[in-house]
Amino acid sequence: MSTLTLLCLTLLTVTPRTATPATPTAAVNAVLDDWHKAAAQADEARYFGHLTPDAVFLGTDATERWTRDEFRGWAKPYFSKGKAWSFTSVSRHVSFSKDGAVAWFDEALSTPNMGPARGSGVLVKDGGTWKIAQYNLSIPIPNELMEDFKQRIEAHEKTRTEKKSP
């Protein structure tokens, strides 16, 4: 065996390979997991690179409906400080359109700042890459607590509306 052949074989065995997810579900999971990881690592470019240009982010507050660029503007101070947020998916369900070009999901999240949360959204296939077109972050409220929260939210909205009135 020649030295060149031996060198080529050695390089092939030690060169890291980028793993391609085996299934569409694994590919979507990889995008969402990396998206969450990018936020935890305050990697703004990577985080927003997972969103389509026309993506919409719906936050937990009723006033939080942002386009990708609006959300990026709001989030920039957090990323600039090197500390954004940390969401970890505890469970996730992914479904696909018949043509395989659209995926939707829901996930239970563990978060240090909000406690248990829920995310849901839509991804679209852009070439061979999945991109997040919509994400909806929510905090699940146990049914037993709903009446109390409903009253508190209504009181908050009334106060908010009164502050806006002249």
C-alpha atoms as a PDB file:
ATOM      1  CA  MET A   1       0.000   0.000   0.000  1.00  0.00           C
ATOM      2  CA  SER A   2       1.434   3.366  -0.955  1.00  0.00           C
ATOM      3  CA  THR A   3       1.987   6.172   1.511  1.00  0.00           C
ATOM      4  CA  LEU A   4      -0.551   8.332  -0.360  1.00  0.00           C
ATOM      5  CA  THR A   5      -3.207   5.603  -0.140  1.00  0.00           C
ATOM      6  CA  LEU A   6      -2.501   5.115   3.554  1.00  0.00           C
ATOM      7  CA  LEU A   7      -2.726   8.875   4.146  1.00  0.00           C
ATOM      8  CA  CYS A   8      -6.055   9.090   2.286  1.00  0.00           C
ATOM      9  CA  LEU A   9      -7.498   6.167   4.250  1.00  0.00           C
ATOM     10  CA  THR A  10      -6.338   7.733   7.519  1.00  0.00           C
ATOM     11  CA  LEU A  11      -7.933  11.068   6.650  1.00  0.00           C
ATOM     12  CA  LEU A  12     -11.195   9.389   5.733  1.00  0.00           C
ATOM     13  CA  THR A  13     -11.362   7.588   9.054  1.00  0.00           C
ATOM     14  CA  VAL A  14     -10.500  10.581  11.249  1.00  0.00           C
ATOM     15  CA  THR A  15     -12.243  13.384   9.366  1.00  0.00           C
ATOM     16  CA  PRO A  16     -15.440  14.320  11.210  1.00  0.00           C
ATOM     17  CA  ARG A  17     -18.562  13.792   9.177  1.00  0.00           C
ATOM     18  CA  THR A  18     -21.600  15.992   9.414  1.00  0.00           C
ATOM     19  CA  ALA A  19     -24.459  13.702  10.279  1.00  0.00           C
ATOM     20  CA  THR A  20     -27.480  14.027   8.061  1.00  0.00           C
ATOM     21  CA  PRO A  21     -30.638  13.274  10.025  1.00  0.00           C
ATOM     22  CA  ALA A  22     -32.075   9.933   8.933  1.00  0.00           C
ATOM     23  CA  THR A  23     -35.728  11.018   8.830  1.00  0.00           C
ATOM     24  CA  PRO A  24     -37.703  14.215   8.239  1.00  0.00           C
ATOM     25  CA  THR A  25     -38.736  14.166  11.914  1.00  0.00           C
ATOM     26  CA  ALA A  26     -35.097  13.944  12.985  1.00  0.00           C
ATOM     27  CA  ALA A  27     -34.256  16.853  10.662  1.00  0.00           C
ATOM     28  CA  VAL A  28     -36.994  19.050  12.157  1.00  0.00           C
ATOM     29  CA  ASN A  29     -35.962  18.053  15.688  1.00  0.00           C
ATOM     30  CA  ALA A  30     -32.349  18.934  14.887  1.00  0.00           C
ATOM     31  CA  VAL A  31     -33.368  22.421  13.694  1.00  0.00           C
ATOM     32  CA  LEU A  32     -35.546  23.104  16.738  1.00  0.00           C
ATOM     33  CA  ASP A  33     -32.964  21.743  19.177  1.00  0.00           C
ATOM     34  CA  ASP A  34     -30.226  23.839  17.583  1.00  0.00           C
ATOM     35  CA  TRP A  35     -32.498  26.902  17.596  1.00  0.00           C
ATOM     36  CA  HIS A  36     -33.044  26.536  21.339  1.00  0.00           C
ATOM     37  CA  LYS A  37     -29.323  25.861  21.863  1.00  0.00           C
ATOM     38  CA  ALA A  38     -28.402  28.991  19.869  1.00  0.00           C
ATOM     39  CA  ALA A  39     -30.537  31.100  22.238  1.00  0.00           C
ATOM     40  CA  ALA A  40     -28.945  29.492  25.300  1.00  0.00           C
ATOM     41  CA  GLN A  41     -25.502  30.253  23.824  1.00  0.00           C
ATOM     42  CA  ALA A  42     -26.581  33.791  22.827  1.00  0.00           C
ATOM     43  CA  ASP A  43     -25.677  33.065  19.196  1.00  0.00           C
ATOM     44  CA  GLU A  44     -27.900  35.665  17.548  1.00  0.00           C
ATOM     45  CA  ALA A  45     -26.887  34.938  13.938  1.00  0.00           C
ATOM     46  CA  ARG A  46     -27.476  31.197  14.324  1.00  0.00           C
ATOM     47  CA  TYR A  47     -30.749  31.707  16.204  1.00  0.00           C
ATOM     48  CA  PHE A  48     -32.292  34.064  13.657  1.00  0.00           C
ATOM     49  CA  GLY A  49     -30.785  32.084  10.784  1.00  0.00           C
ATOM     50  CA  HIS A  50     -33.258  29.311  11.610  1.00  0.00           C
ATOM     51  CA  LEU A  51     -36.207  31.637  10.861  1.00  0.00           C
ATOM     52  CA  THR A  52     -37.717  32.420   7.472  1.00  0.00           C
ATOM     53  CA  PRO A  53     -37.503  36.096   6.430  1.00  0.00           C
ATOM     54  CA  ASP A  54     -41.278  36.417   6.966  1.00  0.00           C
ATOM     55  CA  ALA A  55     -41.369  34.419  10.223  1.00  0.00           C
ATOM     56  CA  VAL A  56     -43.688  35.411  13.067  1.00  0.00           C
ATOM     57  CA  PHE A  57     -42.938  34.918  16.765  1.00  0.00           C
ATOM     58  CA  LEU A  58     -45.864  34.959  19.194  1.00  0.00           C
ATOM     59  CA  GLY A  59     -44.793  35.534  22.790  1.00  0.00           C
ATOM     60  CA  THR A  60     -46.606  34.874  26.032  1.00  0.00           C
ATOM     61  CA  ASP A  61     -47.985  38.420  26.355  1.00  0.00           C
ATOM     62  CA  ALA A  62     -51.013  39.222  24.187  1.00  0.00           C
ATOM     63  CA  THR A  63     -49.103  42.195  22.717  1.00  0.00           C
ATOM     64  CA  GLU A  64     -46.186  40.044  21.540  1.00  0.00           C
ATOM     65  CA  ARG A  65     -46.660  39.358  17.845  1.00  0.00           C
ATOM     66  CA  TRP A  66     -43.408  40.056  16.074  1.00  0.00           C
ATOM     67  CA  THR A  67     -42.038  39.585  12.615  1.00  0.00           C
ATOM     68  CA  ARG A  68     -38.577  38.035  12.555  1.00  0.00           C
ATOM     69  CA  ASP A  69     -36.919  41.453  12.270  1.00  0.00           C
ATOM     70  CA  GLU A  70     -39.067  43.026  15.009  1.00  0.00           C
ATOM     71  CA  PHE A  71     -38.308  40.085  17.290  1.00  0.00           C
ATOM     72  CA  ARG A  72     -34.608  40.350  16.505  1.00  0.00           C
ATOM     73  CA  GLY A  73     -34.691  44.038  17.464  1.00  0.00           C
ATOM     74  CA  TRP A  74     -36.440  43.230  20.739  1.00  0.00           C
ATOM     75  CA  ALA A  75     -34.050  40.350  21.514  1.00  0.00           C
ATOM     76  CA  LYS A  76     -30.811  42.073  20.465  1.00  0.00           C
ATOM     77  CA  PRO A  77     -30.000  43.464  23.952  1.00  0.00           C
ATOM     78  CA  TYR A  78     -30.273  39.958  25.430  1.00  0.00           C
ATOM     79  CA  PHE A  79     -28.023  38.410  22.798  1.00  0.00           C
ATOM     80  CA  SER A  80     -25.581  41.337  23.074  1.00  0.00           C
ATOM     81  CA  LYS A  81     -25.180  40.697  26.810  1.00  0.00           C
ATOM     82  CA  GLY A  82     -24.236  37.105  26.038  1.00  0.00           C
ATOM     83  CA  LYS A  83     -27.300  35.731  27.790  1.00  0.00           C
ATOM     84  CA  ALA A  84     -30.559  35.189  25.976  1.00  0.00           C
ATOM     85  CA  TRP A  85     -32.884  32.449  27.253  1.00  0.00           C
ATOM     86  CA  SER A  86     -32.713  28.738  27.810  1.00  0.00           C
ATOM     87  CA  PHE A  87     -35.546  26.484  26.649  1.00  0.00           C
ATOM     88  CA  THR A  88     -35.181  22.732  26.676  1.00  0.00           C
ATOM     89  CA  SER A  89     -37.698  20.536  24.921  1.00  0.00           C
ATOM     90  CA  VAL A  90     -39.046  17.878  27.271  1.00  0.00           C
ATOM     91  CA  SER A  91     -41.284  16.295  24.633  1.00  0.00           C
ATOM     92  CA  ARG A  92     -42.167  17.147  21.058  1.00  0.00           C
ATOM     93  CA  HIS A  93     -44.690  15.977  18.452  1.00  0.00           C
ATOM     94  CA  VAL A  94     -44.020  16.674  14.755  1.00  0.00           C
ATOM     95  CA  SER A  95     -46.403  16.245  11.800  1.00  0.00           C
ATOM     96  CA  PHE A  96     -45.937  16.812   8.063  1.00  0.00           C
ATOM     97  CA  SER A  97     -47.984  17.854   5.075  1.00  0.00           C
ATOM     98  CA  LYS A  98     -48.581  15.158   2.454  1.00  0.00           C
ATOM     99  CA  ASP A  99     -45.951  16.659   0.152  1.00  0.00           C
ATOM    100  CA  GLY A 100     -43.405  16.834   3.006  1.00  0.00           C
ATOM    101  CA  ALA A 101     -42.754  20.553   2.501  1.00  0.00           C
ATOM    102  CA  VAL A 102     -44.440  21.791   5.702  1.00  0.00           C
ATOM    103  CA  ALA A 103     -44.067  20.560   9.274  1.00  0.00           C
ATOM    104  CA  TRP A 104     -45.910  21.606  12.402  1.00  0.00           C
ATOM    105  CA  PHE A 105     -45.085  20.742  15.958  1.00  0.00           C
ATOM    106  CA  ASP A 106     -45.873  21.249  19.598  1.00  0.00           C
ATOM    107  CA  GLU A 107     -43.401  20.856  22.418  1.00  0.00           C
ATOM    108  CA  ALA A 108     -43.385  20.909  26.188  1.00  0.00           C
ATOM    109  CA  LEU A 109     -40.538  23.093  27.425  1.00  0.00           C
ATOM    110  CA  SER A 110     -38.518  23.348  30.588  1.00  0.00           C
ATOM    111  CA  THR A 111     -37.420  26.930  31.217  1.00  0.00           C
ATOM    112  CA  PRO A 112     -35.540  28.352  34.200  1.00  0.00           C
ATOM    113  CA  ASN A 113     -37.300  31.728  34.067  1.00  0.00           C
ATOM    114  CA  MET A 114     -40.921  30.804  33.192  1.00  0.00           C
ATOM    115  CA  GLY A 115     -41.173  27.268  34.518  1.00  0.00           C
ATOM    116  CA  PRO A 116     -43.080  24.797  32.372  1.00  0.00           C
ATOM    117  CA  ALA A 117     -43.960  26.294  28.995  1.00  0.00           C
ATOM    118  CA  ARG A 118     -45.199  25.198  25.611  1.00  0.00           C
ATOM    119  CA  GLY A 119     -44.048  25.995  22.119  1.00  0.00           C
ATOM    120  CA  SER A 120     -45.779  25.271  18.852  1.00  0.00           C
ATOM    121  CA  GLY A 121     -45.091  26.284  15.337  1.00  0.00           C
ATOM    122  CA  VAL A 122     -44.639  25.683  11.651  1.00  0.00           C
ATOM    123  CA  LEU A 123     -41.531  24.942   9.619  1.00  0.00           C
ATOM    124  CA  VAL A 124     -41.211  25.079   5.854  1.00  0.00           C
ATOM    125  CA  LYS A 125     -38.673  23.338   3.701  1.00  0.00           C
ATOM    126  CA  ASP A 126     -36.447  25.840   1.920  1.00  0.00           C
ATOM    127  CA  GLY A 127     -34.416  23.821  -0.555  1.00  0.00           C
ATOM    128  CA  GLY A 128     -33.059  21.056   1.642  1.00  0.00           C
ATOM    129  CA  THR A 129     -33.239  23.092   4.852  1.00  0.00           C
ATOM    130  CA  TRP A 130     -36.068  23.391   7.365  1.00  0.00           C
ATOM    131  CA  LYS A 131     -36.831  26.970   8.484  1.00  0.00           C
ATOM    132  CA  ILE A 132     -39.166  28.114  11.239  1.00  0.00           C
ATOM    133  CA  ALA A 133     -42.011  30.196   9.788  1.00  0.00           C
ATOM    134  CA  GLN A 134     -43.990  30.624  12.996  1.00  0.00           C
ATOM    135  CA  TYR A 135     -43.361  29.973  16.675  1.00  0.00           C
ATOM    136  CA  ASN A 136     -45.899  30.396  19.449  1.00  0.00           C
ATOM    137  CA  LEU A 137     -44.635  30.414  23.029  1.00  0.00           C
ATOM    138  CA  SER A 138     -47.219  29.901  25.753  1.00  0.00           C
ATOM    139  CA  ILE A 139     -47.500  29.033  29.406  1.00  0.00           C
ATOM    140  CA  PRO A 140     -50.010  26.266  30.062  1.00  0.00           C
ATOM    141  CA  ILE A 141     -52.394  27.120  32.869  1.00  0.00           C
ATOM    142  CA  PRO A 142     -53.926  24.217  34.794  1.00  0.00           C
ATOM    143  CA  ASN A 143     -57.720  24.180  34.428  1.00  0.00           C
ATOM    144  CA  GLU A 144     -58.128  24.439  38.208  1.00  0.00           C
ATOM    145  CA  LEU A 145     -56.333  27.816  38.144  1.00  0.00           C
ATOM    146  CA  MET A 146     -58.042  29.191  35.038  1.00  0.00           C
ATOM    147  CA  GLU A 147     -60.751  31.245  36.748  1.00  0.00           C
ATOM    148  CA  ASP A 148     -58.229  33.053  38.947  1.00  0.00           C
ATOM    149  CA  PHE A 149     -55.947  33.745  35.970  1.00  0.00           C
ATOM    150  CA  LYS A 150     -58.878  34.838  33.824  1.00  0.00           C
ATOM    151  CA  GLN A 151     -59.898  37.412  36.424  1.00  0.00           C
ATOM    152  CA  ARG A 152     -56.332  38.634  36.868  1.00  0.00           C
ATOM    153  CA  ILE A 153     -55.821  38.954  33.104  1.00  0.00           C
ATOM    154  CA  GLU A 154     -59.108  40.821  32.678  1.00  0.00           C
ATOM    155  CA  ALA A 155     -58.134  43.241  35.469  1.00  0.00           C
ATOM    156  CA  HIS A 156     -54.702  43.721  33.912  1.00  0.00           C
ATOM    157  CA  GLU A 157     -56.198  44.400  30.464  1.00  0.00           C
ATOM    158  CA  LYS A 158     -58.653  46.878  31.942  1.00  0.00           C
ATOM    159  CA  THR A 159     -55.785  48.744  33.652  1.00  0.00           C
ATOM    160  CA  ARG A 160     -53.743  48.670  30.457  1.00  0.00           C
ATOM    161  CA  THR A 161     -56.667  50.053  28.437  1.00  0.00           C
ATOM    162  CA  GLU A 162     -57.327  52.797  31.008  1.00  0.00           C
ATOM    163  CA  LYS A 163     -53.679  53.896  30.872  1.00  0.00           C
ATOM    164  CA  LYS A 164     -53.939  54.293  27.094  1.00  0.00           C
ATOM    165  CA  SER A 165     -57.088  56.424  27.278  1.00  0.00           C
ATOM    166  CA  PRO A 166     -56.655  60.227  27.374  1.00  0.00           C
END
